[in-house]
Amino acid sequence: MTVYIDPPSWPGHGRMWSHLVSDVSYDELHAFAAALGVPRRAFERDHYDLPSHRYADAVAAGALRVSSREVVRLLRASGLRRPKGRAQRRSS
C-alpha cells in the first residue's frame, strides 16, 4: 500500500491542509484514512483533506511525502484524478 501526502500548504477554515491520495485505488485510500481515524466526510472527489496537525500522523503511518505537483501528477497518471466540475461516478 502506497499513499502520498503533500505539505500542509492549503488554507481553509482558519487552518492549513494537506491532500492524502493513492495512486492505486480509492479503496486503498479509504482503508488508510480509516486506519488513521480520518472521517469519510474528509474525502473530496479524489483525495482526503487532512489538517496540518495530522500530517505527522499520516507520515508515521506510512504516507510518502511528495510535493503538491506530484500529488496531481500521481492522480492523473493513475486515472484517479477527478477535477471539480466534471461528472463523477460514485466512489467505492
PDB file of N, CA and C in Angstrom:
ATOM      1  N   MET A   1       0.854  -1.186   0.000  1.00  0.00           N
ATOM      2  CA  MET A   1       0.000   0.000   0.000  1.00  0.00           C
ATOM      3  C   MET A   1       0.890   1.236   0.000  1.00  0.00           C
ATOM      4  N   THR A   2       0.673   2.104  -0.985  1.00  0.00           N
ATOM      5  CA  THR A   2       1.394   3.372  -1.017  1.00  0.00           C
ATOM      6  C   THR A   2       0.387   4.497  -1.103  1.00  0.00           C
ATOM      7  N   VAL A   3       0.452   5.359  -0.115  1.00  0.00           N
ATOM      8  CA  VAL A   3      -0.394   6.542  -0.066  1.00  0.00           C
ATOM      9  C   VAL A   3       0.552   7.734   0.035  1.00  0.00           C
ATOM     10  N   TYR A   4       0.154   8.831  -0.546  1.00  0.00           N
ATOM     11  CA  TYR A   4       1.012  10.015  -0.632  1.00  0.00           C
ATOM     12  C   TYR A   4       0.343  11.200   0.048  1.00  0.00           C
ATOM     13  N   ILE A   5       1.173  12.127   0.552  1.00  0.00           N
ATOM     14  CA  ILE A   5       0.655  13.336   1.192  1.00  0.00           C
ATOM     15  C   ILE A   5       1.523  14.529   0.797  1.00  0.00           C
ATOM     16  N   ASP A   6       0.869  15.643   0.506  1.00  0.00           N
ATOM     17  CA  ASP A   6       1.625  16.860   0.216  1.00  0.00           C
ATOM     18  C   ASP A   6       1.721  17.705   1.483  1.00  0.00           C
ATOM     19  N   PRO A   7       2.608  18.698   1.491  1.00  0.00           N
ATOM     20  CA  PRO A   7       2.769  19.537   2.688  1.00  0.00           C
ATOM     21  C   PRO A   7       1.479  20.290   3.012  1.00  0.00           C
ATOM     22  N   PRO A   8       1.258  20.579   4.276  1.00  0.00           N
ATOM     23  CA  PRO A   8       0.058  21.346   4.653  1.00  0.00           C
ATOM     24  C   PRO A   8       0.211  22.816   4.253  1.00  0.00           C
ATOM     25  N   SER A   9      -0.107  23.101   3.003  1.00  0.00           N
ATOM     26  CA  SER A   9       0.084  24.460   2.486  1.00  0.00           C
ATOM     27  C   SER A   9      -1.184  25.054   1.883  1.00  0.00           C
ATOM     28  N   TRP A  10      -2.305  24.395   2.107  1.00  0.00           N
ATOM     29  CA  TRP A  10      -3.575  24.854   1.533  1.00  0.00           C
ATOM     30  C   TRP A  10      -4.456  25.441   2.633  1.00  0.00           C
ATOM     31  N   PRO A  11      -4.713  26.772   2.600  1.00  0.00           N
ATOM     32  CA  PRO A  11      -5.512  27.402   3.658  1.00  0.00           C
ATOM     33  C   PRO A  11      -7.002  27.123   3.507  1.00  0.00           C
ATOM     34  N   GLY A  12      -7.669  27.040   4.643  1.00  0.00           N
ATOM     35  CA  GLY A  12      -9.119  26.893   4.657  1.00  0.00           C
ATOM     36  C   GLY A  12      -9.633  26.739   6.065  1.00  0.00           C
ATOM     37  N   HIS A  13     -10.699  27.420   6.379  1.00  0.00           N
ATOM     38  CA  HIS A  13     -11.350  27.314   7.681  1.00  0.00           C
ATOM     39  C   HIS A  13     -10.385  27.604   8.836  1.00  0.00           C
ATOM     40  N   GLY A  14      -9.497  28.574   8.634  1.00  0.00           N
ATOM     41  CA  GLY A  14      -8.604  29.011   9.695  1.00  0.00           C
ATOM     42  C   GLY A  14      -7.434  28.081   9.989  1.00  0.00           C
ATOM     43  N   ARG A  15      -7.151  27.147   9.084  1.00  0.00           N
ATOM     44  CA  ARG A  15      -6.002  26.264   9.271  1.00  0.00           C
ATOM     45  C   ARG A  15      -5.411  25.887   7.921  1.00  0.00           C
ATOM     46  N   MET A  16      -4.325  25.133   7.964  1.00  0.00           N
ATOM     47  CA  MET A  16      -3.660  24.681   6.745  1.00  0.00           C
ATOM     48  C   MET A  16      -3.954  23.192   6.545  1.00  0.00           C
ATOM     49  N   TRP A  17      -4.011  22.779   5.267  1.00  0.00           N
ATOM     50  CA  TRP A  17      -4.428  21.419   4.923  1.00  0.00           C
ATOM     51  C   TRP A  17      -3.449  20.746   3.975  1.00  0.00           C
ATOM     52  N   SER A  18      -3.393  19.435   4.060  1.00  0.00           N
ATOM     53  CA  SER A  18      -2.668  18.573   3.132  1.00  0.00           C
ATOM     54  C   SER A  18      -3.684  17.758   2.356  1.00  0.00           C
ATOM     55  N   HIS A  19      -3.193  17.149   1.268  1.00  0.00           N
ATOM     56  CA  HIS A  19      -4.019  16.232   0.479  1.00  0.00           C
ATOM     57  C   HIS A  19      -3.416  14.838   0.587  1.00  0.00           C
ATOM     58  N   LEU A  20      -4.232  13.878   0.912  1.00  0.00           N
ATOM     59  CA  LEU A  20      -3.827  12.483   1.040  1.00  0.00           C
ATOM     60  C   LEU A  20      -4.415  11.730  -0.145  1.00  0.00           C
ATOM     61  N   VAL A  21      -3.552  11.069  -0.947  1.00  0.00           N
ATOM     62  CA  VAL A  21      -4.008  10.397  -2.165  1.00  0.00           C
ATOM     63  C   VAL A  21      -3.393   9.013  -2.301  1.00  0.00           C
ATOM     64  N   SER A  22      -4.015   8.217  -3.145  1.00  0.00           N
ATOM     65  CA  SER A  22      -3.474   6.921  -3.554  1.00  0.00           C
ATOM     66  C   SER A  22      -3.273   6.962  -5.062  1.00  0.00           C
ATOM     67  N   ASP A  23      -2.293   6.210  -5.544  1.00  0.00           N
ATOM     68  CA  ASP A  23      -2.125   6.082  -6.988  1.00  0.00           C
ATOM     69  C   ASP A  23      -2.561   4.704  -7.463  1.00  0.00           C
ATOM     70  N   VAL A  24      -3.271   3.970  -6.580  1.00  0.00           N
ATOM     71  CA  VAL A  24      -3.731   2.620  -6.910  1.00  0.00           C
ATOM     72  C   VAL A  24      -5.253   2.544  -6.953  1.00  0.00           C
ATOM     73  N   SER A  25      -5.913   2.970  -5.852  1.00  0.00           N
ATOM     74  CA  SER A  25      -7.372   2.868  -5.805  1.00  0.00           C
ATOM     75  C   SER A  25      -7.934   3.723  -4.677  1.00  0.00           C
ATOM     76  N   TYR A  26      -9.207   4.034  -4.806  1.00  0.00           N
ATOM     77  CA  TYR A  26      -9.894   4.735  -3.720  1.00  0.00           C
ATOM     78  C   TYR A  26     -10.054   3.814  -2.520  1.00  0.00           C
ATOM     79  N   ASP A  27     -10.230   2.513  -2.764  1.00  0.00           N
ATOM     80  CA  ASP A  27     -10.354   1.566  -1.654  1.00  0.00           C
ATOM     81  C   ASP A  27      -9.112   1.604  -0.775  1.00  0.00           C
ATOM     82  N   GLU A  28      -7.928   1.625  -1.410  1.00  0.00           N
ATOM     83  CA  GLU A  28      -6.672   1.710  -0.659  1.00  0.00           C
ATOM     84  C   GLU A  28      -6.638   3.002   0.157  1.00  0.00           C
ATOM     85  N   LEU A  29      -7.025   4.091  -0.462  1.00  0.00           N
ATOM     86  CA  LEU A  29      -7.028   5.388   0.207  1.00  0.00           C
ATOM     87  C   LEU A  29      -8.003   5.395   1.380  1.00  0.00           C
ATOM     88  N   HIS A  30      -9.209   4.887   1.176  1.00  0.00           N
ATOM     89  CA  HIS A  30     -10.202   4.846   2.251  1.00  0.00           C
ATOM     90  C   HIS A  30      -9.716   3.983   3.415  1.00  0.00           C
ATOM     91  N   ALA A  31      -9.076   2.860   3.117  1.00  0.00           N
ATOM     92  CA  ALA A  31      -8.565   1.979   4.173  1.00  0.00           C
ATOM     93  C   ALA A  31      -7.483   2.678   4.987  1.00  0.00           C
ATOM     94  N   PHE A  32      -6.580   3.371   4.317  1.00  0.00           N
ATOM     95  CA  PHE A  32      -5.515   4.089   5.013  1.00  0.00           C
ATOM     96  C   PHE A  32      -6.109   5.180   5.899  1.00  0.00           C
ATOM     97  N   ALA A  33      -7.028   5.959   5.338  1.00  0.00           N
ATOM     98  CA  ALA A  33      -7.660   7.046   6.096  1.00  0.00           C
ATOM     99  C   ALA A  33      -8.423   6.495   7.304  1.00  0.00           C
ATOM    100  N   ALA A  34      -9.135   5.408   7.114  1.00  0.00           N
ATOM    101  CA  ALA A  34      -9.892   4.807   8.218  1.00  0.00           C
ATOM    102  C   ALA A  34      -8.944   4.348   9.327  1.00  0.00           C
ATOM    103  N   ALA A  35      -7.809   3.766   8.951  1.00  0.00           N
ATOM    104  CA  ALA A  35      -6.837   3.315   9.953  1.00  0.00           C
ATOM    105  C   ALA A  35      -6.275   4.498  10.744  1.00  0.00           C
ATOM    106  N   LEU A  36      -6.227   5.680  10.124  1.00  0.00           N
ATOM    107  CA  LEU A  36      -5.775   6.889  10.819  1.00  0.00           C
ATOM    108  C   LEU A  36      -6.887   7.528  11.652  1.00  0.00           C
ATOM    109  N   GLY A  37      -8.119   7.072  11.440  1.00  0.00           N
ATOM    110  CA  GLY A  37      -9.252   7.681  12.132  1.00  0.00           C
ATOM    111  C   GLY A  37      -9.768   8.933  11.442  1.00  0.00           C
ATOM    112  N   VAL A  38      -9.451   9.077  10.160  1.00  0.00           N
ATOM    113  CA  VAL A  38      -9.921  10.233   9.389  1.00  0.00           C
ATOM    114  C   VAL A  38     -11.347   9.950   8.936  1.00  0.00           C
ATOM    115  N   PRO A  39     -12.288  10.848   9.238  1.00  0.00           N
ATOM    116  CA  PRO A  39     -13.683  10.596   8.848  1.00  0.00           C
ATOM    117  C   PRO A  39     -13.876  10.623   7.336  1.00  0.00           C
ATOM    118  N   ARG A  40     -14.784   9.819   6.849  1.00  0.00           N
ATOM    119  CA  ARG A  40     -15.066   9.719   5.412  1.00  0.00           C
ATOM    120  C   ARG A  40     -15.510  11.063   4.837  1.00  0.00           C
ATOM    121  N   ARG A  41     -16.082  11.909   5.670  1.00  0.00           N
ATOM    122  CA  ARG A  41     -16.532  13.215   5.172  1.00  0.00           C
ATOM    123  C   ARG A  41     -15.354  14.099   4.733  1.00  0.00           C
ATOM    124  N   ALA A  42     -14.123  13.717   5.094  1.00  0.00           N
ATOM    125  CA  ALA A  42     -12.937  14.467   4.676  1.00  0.00           C
ATOM    126  C   ALA A  42     -12.514  14.108   3.250  1.00  0.00           C
ATOM    127  N   PHE A  43     -13.183  13.109   2.647  1.00  0.00           N
ATOM    128  CA  PHE A  43     -12.880  12.715   1.268  1.00  0.00           C
ATOM    129  C   PHE A  43     -13.562  13.671   0.318  1.00  0.00           C
ATOM    130  N   GLU A  44     -12.773  14.216  -0.615  1.00  0.00           N
ATOM    131  CA  GLU A  44     -13.329  15.152  -1.595  1.00  0.00           C
ATOM    132  C   GLU A  44     -12.879  14.761  -2.998  1.00  0.00           C
ATOM    133  N   ARG A  45     -13.765  14.172  -3.755  1.00  0.00           N
ATOM    134  CA  ARG A  45     -13.572  13.753  -5.147  1.00  0.00           C
ATOM    135  C   ARG A  45     -12.493  12.692  -5.328  1.00  0.00           C
ATOM    136  N   ASP A  46     -11.226  13.026  -5.038  1.00  0.00           N
ATOM    137  CA  ASP A  46     -10.132  12.092  -5.310  1.00  0.00           C
ATOM    138  C   ASP A  46      -9.052  12.095  -4.226  1.00  0.00           C
ATOM    139  N   HIS A  47      -9.329  12.774  -3.127  1.00  0.00           N
ATOM    140  CA  HIS A  47      -8.340  12.890  -2.054  1.00  0.00           C
ATOM    141  C   HIS A  47      -9.029  13.135  -0.706  1.00  0.00           C
ATOM    142  N   TYR A  48      -8.265  12.955   0.341  1.00  0.00           N
ATOM    143  CA  TYR A  48      -8.716  13.355   1.668  1.00  0.00           C
ATOM    144  C   TYR A  48      -8.032  14.670   2.014  1.00  0.00           C
ATOM    145  N   ASP A  49      -8.777  15.593   2.593  1.00  0.00           N
ATOM    146  CA  ASP A  49      -8.199  16.805   3.150  1.00  0.00           C
ATOM    147  C   ASP A  49      -7.808  16.481   4.590  1.00  0.00           C
ATOM    148  N   LEU A  50      -6.540  16.725   4.902  1.00  0.00           N
ATOM    149  CA  LEU A  50      -6.019  16.397   6.230  1.00  0.00           C
ATOM    150  C   LEU A  50      -5.468  17.665   6.865  1.00  0.00           C
ATOM    151  N   PRO A  51      -5.937  18.050   8.064  1.00  0.00           N
ATOM    152  CA  PRO A  51      -5.421  19.259   8.697  1.00  0.00           C
ATOM    153  C   PRO A  51      -3.945  19.090   9.073  1.00  0.00           C
ATOM    154  N   SER A  52      -3.246  20.212   9.140  1.00  0.00           N
ATOM    155  CA  SER A  52      -1.800  20.192   9.362  1.00  0.00           C
ATOM    156  C   SER A  52      -1.388  19.418  10.612  1.00  0.00           C
ATOM    157  N   HIS A  53      -2.209  19.435  11.641  1.00  0.00           N
ATOM    158  CA  HIS A  53      -1.822  18.728  12.869  1.00  0.00           C
ATOM    159  C   HIS A  53      -1.869  17.202  12.708  1.00  0.00           C
ATOM    160  N   ARG A  54      -2.417  16.698  11.607  1.00  0.00           N
ATOM    161  CA  ARG A  54      -2.456  15.253  11.338  1.00  0.00           C
ATOM    162  C   ARG A  54      -1.399  14.812  10.322  1.00  0.00           C
ATOM    163  N   TYR A  55      -0.650  15.765   9.766  1.00  0.00           N
ATOM    164  CA  TYR A  55       0.367  15.465   8.753  1.00  0.00           C
ATOM    165  C   TYR A  55       1.384  14.443   9.283  1.00  0.00           C
ATOM    166  N   ALA A  56       1.956  14.690  10.440  1.00  0.00           N
ATOM    167  CA  ALA A  56       2.966  13.785  11.016  1.00  0.00           C
ATOM    168  C   ALA A  56       2.372  12.401  11.278  1.00  0.00           C
ATOM    169  N   ASP A  57       1.108  12.337  11.677  1.00  0.00           N
ATOM    170  CA  ASP A  57       0.450  11.038  11.905  1.00  0.00           C
ATOM    171  C   ASP A  57       0.404  10.229  10.605  1.00  0.00           C
ATOM    172  N   ALA A  58       0.058  10.888   9.504  1.00  0.00           N
ATOM    173  CA  ALA A  58      -0.038  10.202   8.219  1.00  0.00           C
ATOM    174  C   ALA A  58       1.336   9.705   7.770  1.00  0.00           C
ATOM    175  N   VAL A  59       2.352  10.533   7.946  1.00  0.00           N
ATOM    176  CA  VAL A  59       3.711  10.134   7.566  1.00  0.00           C
ATOM    177  C   VAL A  59       4.172   8.966   8.434  1.00  0.00           C
ATOM    178  N   ALA A  60       3.909   9.037   9.731  1.00  0.00           N
ATOM    179  CA  ALA A  60       4.299   7.948  10.639  1.00  0.00           C
ATOM    180  C   ALA A  60       3.588   6.643  10.279  1.00  0.00           C
ATOM    181  N   ALA A  61       2.379   6.744   9.726  1.00  0.00           N
ATOM    182  CA  ALA A  61       1.609   5.556   9.337  1.00  0.00           C
ATOM    183  C   ALA A  61       2.037   5.011   7.969  1.00  0.00           C
ATOM    184  N   GLY A  62       2.931   5.738   7.285  1.00  0.00           N
ATOM    185  CA  GLY A  62       3.448   5.228   6.023  1.00  0.00           C
ATOM    186  C   GLY A  62       3.192   6.063   4.789  1.00  0.00           C
ATOM    187  N   ALA A  63       2.499   7.181   4.922  1.00  0.00           N
ATOM    188  CA  ALA A  63       2.283   8.042   3.749  1.00  0.00           C
ATOM    189  C   ALA A  63       3.618   8.633   3.313  1.00  0.00           C
ATOM    190  N   LEU A  64       3.844   8.639   2.017  1.00  0.00           N
ATOM    191  CA  LEU A  64       5.074   9.207   1.474  1.00  0.00           C
ATOM    192  C   LEU A  64       4.890  10.690   1.209  1.00  0.00           C
ATOM    193  N   ARG A  65       5.863  11.478   1.646  1.00  0.00           N
ATOM    194  CA  ARG A  65       5.816  12.922   1.446  1.00  0.00           C
ATOM    195  C   ARG A  65       6.193  13.258   0.005  1.00  0.00           C
ATOM    196  N   VAL A  66       5.318  14.017  -0.651  1.00  0.00           N
ATOM    197  CA  VAL A  66       5.563  14.475  -2.014  1.00  0.00           C
ATOM    198  C   VAL A  66       5.088  15.921  -2.139  1.00  0.00           C
ATOM    199  N   SER A  67       5.481  16.575  -3.216  1.00  0.00           N
ATOM    200  CA  SER A  67       5.030  17.940  -3.457  1.00  0.00           C
ATOM    201  C   SER A  67       3.565  17.937  -3.909  1.00  0.00           C
ATOM    202  N   SER A  68       2.961  19.096  -3.876  1.00  0.00           N
ATOM    203  CA  SER A  68       1.578  19.228  -4.348  1.00  0.00           C
ATOM    204  C   SER A  68       1.484  18.922  -5.837  1.00  0.00           C
ATOM    205  N   ARG A  69       2.481  19.317  -6.589  1.00  0.00           N
ATOM    206  CA  ARG A  69       2.501  18.994  -8.024  1.00  0.00           C
ATOM    207  C   ARG A  69       2.564  17.493  -8.241  1.00  0.00           C
ATOM    208  N   GLU A  70       3.339  16.814  -7.401  1.00  0.00           N
ATOM    209  CA  GLU A  70       3.471  15.366  -7.528  1.00  0.00           C
ATOM    210  C   GLU A  70       2.147  14.673  -7.201  1.00  0.00           C
ATOM    211  N   VAL A  71       1.387  15.193  -6.254  1.00  0.00           N
ATOM    212  CA  VAL A  71       0.068  14.641  -5.936  1.00  0.00           C
ATOM    213  C   VAL A  71      -0.806  14.650  -7.189  1.00  0.00           C
ATOM    214  N   VAL A  72      -0.842  15.783  -7.875  1.00  0.00           N
ATOM    215  CA  VAL A  72      -1.663  15.895  -9.080  1.00  0.00           C
ATOM    216  C   VAL A  72      -1.133  14.964 -10.170  1.00  0.00           C
ATOM    217  N   ARG A  73       0.181  14.906 -10.342  1.00  0.00           N
ATOM    218  CA  ARG A  73       0.766  14.032 -11.356  1.00  0.00           C
ATOM    219  C   ARG A  73       0.426  12.570 -11.088  1.00  0.00           C
ATOM    220  N   LEU A  74       0.523  12.150  -9.815  1.00  0.00           N
ATOM    221  CA  LEU A  74       0.202  10.768  -9.440  1.00  0.00           C
ATOM    222  C   LEU A  74      -1.263  10.440  -9.717  1.00  0.00           C
ATOM    223  N   LEU A  75      -2.149  11.362  -9.370  1.00  0.00           N
ATOM    224  CA  LEU A  75      -3.578  11.134  -9.615  1.00  0.00           C
ATOM    225  C   LEU A  75      -3.875  11.037 -11.101  1.00  0.00           C
ATOM    226  N   ARG A  76      -3.300  11.931 -11.885  1.00  0.00           N
ATOM    227  CA  ARG A  76      -3.536  11.897 -13.339  1.00  0.00           C
ATOM    228  C   ARG A  76      -2.988  10.610 -13.949  1.00  0.00           C
ATOM    229  N   ALA A  77      -1.768  10.250 -13.590  1.00  0.00           N
ATOM    230  CA  ALA A  77      -1.127   9.057 -14.162  1.00  0.00           C
ATOM    231  C   ALA A  77      -1.888   7.779 -13.821  1.00  0.00           C
ATOM    232  N   SER A  78      -2.504   7.761 -12.643  1.00  0.00           N
ATOM    233  CA  SER A  78      -3.233   6.570 -12.203  1.00  0.00           C
ATOM    234  C   SER A  78      -4.658   6.514 -12.742  1.00  0.00           C
ATOM    235  N   GLY A  79      -5.140   7.627 -13.300  1.00  0.00           N
ATOM    236  CA  GLY A  79      -6.520   7.684 -13.777  1.00  0.00           C
ATOM    237  C   GLY A  79      -7.516   7.976 -12.667  1.00  0.00           C
ATOM    238  N   LEU A  80      -7.028   8.340 -11.485  1.00  0.00           N
ATOM    239  CA  LEU A  80      -7.912   8.591 -10.342  1.00  0.00           C
ATOM    240  C   LEU A  80      -8.243  10.071 -10.149  1.00  0.00           C
ATOM    241  N   ARG A  81      -7.709  10.948 -10.978  1.00  0.00           N
ATOM    242  CA  ARG A  81      -7.965  12.380 -10.830  1.00  0.00           C
ATOM    243  C   ARG A  81      -9.415  12.681 -11.170  1.00  0.00           C
ATOM    244  N   ARG A  82     -10.076  13.440 -10.301  1.00  0.00           N
ATOM    245  CA  ARG A  82     -11.459  13.878 -10.518  1.00  0.00           C
ATOM    246  C   ARG A  82     -11.532  15.391 -10.330  1.00  0.00           C
ATOM    247  N   PRO A  83     -11.272  16.155 -11.375  1.00  0.00           N
ATOM    248  CA  PRO A  83     -11.302  17.614 -11.254  1.00  0.00           C
ATOM    249  C   PRO A  83     -12.695  18.125 -10.914  1.00  0.00           C
ATOM    250  N   LYS A  84     -12.738  19.274 -10.277  1.00  0.00           N
ATOM    251  CA  LYS A  84     -14.026  19.915  -9.981  1.00  0.00           C
ATOM    252  C   LYS A  84     -14.772  20.197 -11.273  1.00  0.00           C
ATOM    253  N   GLY A  85     -16.088  20.091 -11.197  1.00  0.00           N
ATOM    254  CA  GLY A  85     -16.928  20.477 -12.317  1.00  0.00           C
ATOM    255  C   GLY A  85     -17.135  19.410 -13.376  1.00  0.00           C
ATOM    256  N   ARG A  86     -16.554  18.245 -13.198  1.00  0.00           N
ATOM    257  CA  ARG A  86     -16.756  17.170 -14.165  1.00  0.00           C
ATOM    258  C   ARG A  86     -17.687  16.126 -13.569  1.00  0.00           C
ATOM    259  N   ALA A  87     -18.418  15.450 -14.429  1.00  0.00           N
ATOM    260  CA  ALA A  87     -19.308  14.375 -13.961  1.00  0.00           C
ATOM    261  C   ALA A  87     -18.467  13.315 -13.263  1.00  0.00           C
ATOM    262  N   GLN A  88     -19.002  12.800 -12.173  1.00  0.00           N
ATOM    263  CA  GLN A  88     -18.276  11.821 -11.377  1.00  0.00           C
ATOM    264  C   GLN A  88     -19.088  10.564 -11.187  1.00  0.00           C
ATOM    265  N   ARG A  89     -18.385   9.438 -11.129  1.00  0.00           N
ATOM    266  CA  ARG A  89     -19.045   8.204 -10.733  1.00  0.00           C
ATOM    267  C   ARG A  89     -18.922   8.096  -9.216  1.00  0.00           C
ATOM    268  N   ARG A  90     -19.785   7.337  -8.609  1.00  0.00           N
ATOM    269  CA  ARG A  90     -19.723   7.185  -7.144  1.00  0.00           C
ATOM    270  C   ARG A  90     -18.463   6.484  -6.733  1.00  0.00           C
ATOM    271  N   SER A  91     -17.846   6.984  -5.633  1.00  0.00           N
ATOM    272  CA  SER A  91     -16.637   6.334  -5.116  1.00  0.00           C
ATOM    273  C   SER A  91     -17.032   5.101  -4.339  1.00  0.00           C
ATOM    274  N   SER A  92     -16.095   4.157  -4.261  1.00  0.00           N
ATOM    275  CA  SER A  92     -16.373   2.915  -3.513  1.00  0.00           C
ATOM    276  C   SER A  92     -16.093   3.096  -2.049  1.00  0.00           C
TER     277      SER A  92
END
